[in-house]
Amino acid sequence: MGRCFGSNGTSYNFFDASDSTWNQVWVDNAGNVLRLKGNPNPEGAMVMTSELLQNAEGQGYYHQISWIPHDDGSVTQLWVTLNEKMEVASTLFQGVYKKK
């Protein structure tokens, strides 16, 4: 997945048959791990959300990454943080992937 937490990393994606969810585990070279879990939504976007995390001030937040397909074959990746009410707090990344 590229850079997160100010370092380089790699993501591993898999389907967990025990709970019928898609999962992503992102691991960076500093030992940070981000775990996301989800499924496609009714509109066809894959949406994965982390467990509730705590920032340095003790506030709870979630990471959420969505992959949104478009009719032209491109896919938008949107990575946001959500507050404890599941409202968007910030956008960390938004990009469009297109086939060559």
Protein backbone atom coordinates (compact mmCIF):
# COMPACT_ATOMS: atom_id res chain seq x y z
CA MET A 1 0.00 0.00 0.00
CA GLY A 2 3.00 2.27 -0.07
CA ARG A 3 3.74 4.76 2.70
CA CYS A 4 1.92 5.08 6.01
CA PHE A 5 3.09 6.14 9.45
CA GLY A 6 6.05 7.87 7.69
CA SER A 7 7.65 4.62 6.55
CA ASN A 8 7.52 2.00 3.80
CA GLY A 9 5.31 -1.04 3.98
CA THR A 10 3.46 -3.88 2.32
CA SER A 11 -0.15 -5.01 2.48
CA TYR A 12 -1.45 -8.56 2.55
CA ASN A 13 -5.03 -9.20 1.45
CA PHE A 14 -7.13 -12.29 2.09
CA PHE A 15 -10.67 -13.61 2.48
CA ASP A 16 -11.45 -14.96 5.96
CA ALA A 17 -13.96 -17.77 5.53
CA SER A 18 -14.62 -17.91 9.30
CA ASP A 19 -16.51 -14.60 9.21
CA SER A 20 -16.94 -14.09 5.43
CA THR A 21 -14.93 -10.84 5.35
CA TRP A 22 -12.13 -9.48 3.21
CA ASN A 23 -9.10 -8.43 5.22
CA GLN A 24 -6.00 -6.34 4.71
CA VAL A 25 -2.99 -6.32 7.00
CA TRP A 26 -0.52 -3.50 6.34
CA VAL A 27 2.94 -3.89 7.87
CA ASP A 28 5.68 -1.27 7.68
CA ASN A 29 9.43 -1.43 8.16
CA ALA A 30 9.13 0.17 11.62
CA GLY A 31 6.90 -2.58 13.01
CA ASN A 32 3.57 -0.75 12.69
CA VAL A 33 0.57 -2.89 11.73
CA LEU A 34 -2.80 -1.74 10.43
CA ARG A 35 -5.60 -4.32 10.20
CA LEU A 36 -8.70 -3.62 8.10
CA LYS A 37 -11.82 -5.74 7.59
CA GLY A 38 -14.85 -5.37 5.34
CA ASN A 39 -16.89 -6.35 2.31
CA PRO A 40 -18.26 -4.80 -0.86
CA ASN A 41 -21.14 -2.41 -0.20
CA PRO A 42 -24.41 -2.43 -2.22
CA GLU A 43 -22.93 0.09 -4.70
CA GLY A 44 -20.03 -2.27 -5.47
CA ALA A 45 -17.25 -0.48 -3.56
CA MET A 46 -14.97 -2.53 -1.31
CA VAL A 47 -14.95 -0.84 2.11
CA MET A 48 -12.58 -1.96 4.87
CA THR A 49 -12.41 -0.45 8.36
CA SER A 50 -9.96 -0.89 11.22
CA GLU A 51 -10.84 -1.63 14.81
CA LEU A 52 -11.21 1.38 17.11
CA LEU A 53 -7.75 2.88 17.68
CA GLN A 54 -6.53 5.55 20.14
CA ASN A 55 -4.51 8.63 19.21
CA ALA A 56 -1.89 10.27 21.46
CA GLU A 57 -4.61 12.38 23.13
CA GLY A 58 -6.67 9.27 23.95
CA GLN A 59 -9.35 9.97 21.35
CA GLY A 60 -10.79 7.03 19.46
CA TYR A 61 -10.65 6.82 15.68
CA TYR A 62 -10.83 4.34 12.80
CA HIS A 63 -9.00 4.01 9.50
CA GLN A 64 -11.28 3.27 6.55
CA ILE A 65 -10.16 2.49 3.01
CA SER A 66 -12.60 2.23 0.11
CA TRP A 67 -11.98 1.08 -3.45
CA ILE A 68 -14.69 2.47 -5.72
CA PRO A 69 -15.02 1.04 -9.26
CA HIS A 70 -16.04 3.26 -12.18
CA ASP A 71 -17.70 2.45 -15.51
CA ASP A 72 -14.46 3.25 -17.41
CA GLY A 73 -12.61 0.50 -15.52
CA SER A 74 -10.74 2.87 -13.21
CA VAL A 75 -10.86 2.55 -9.43
CA THR A 76 -10.70 5.33 -6.85
CA GLN A 77 -8.97 4.52 -3.58
CA LEU A 78 -10.11 6.70 -0.67
CA TRP A 79 -8.36 6.41 2.71
CA VAL A 80 -9.92 8.38 5.56
CA THR A 81 -9.95 8.48 9.32
CA LEU A 82 -13.28 8.38 11.11
CA ASN A 83 -14.12 9.65 14.57
CA GLU A 84 -15.90 7.49 17.13
CA LYS A 85 -19.25 8.49 15.61
CA MET A 86 -18.04 7.05 12.27
CA GLU A 87 -17.88 10.55 10.73
CA VAL A 88 -15.02 11.45 8.38
CA ALA A 89 -12.34 13.30 10.35
CA SER A 90 -9.63 13.54 7.68
CA THR A 91 -8.63 12.27 4.25
CA LEU A 92 -5.22 10.57 4.21
CA PHE A 93 -5.14 9.56 0.54
CA GLN A 94 -7.30 9.77 -2.55
CA GLY A 95 -6.11 8.46 -5.89
CA VAL A 96 -7.42 6.98 -9.13
CA TYR A 97 -5.99 3.79 -10.63
CA LYS A 98 -6.35 3.25 -14.40
CA LYS A 99 -5.41 0.32 -16.60
CA LYS A 100 -2.54 0.94 -19.01
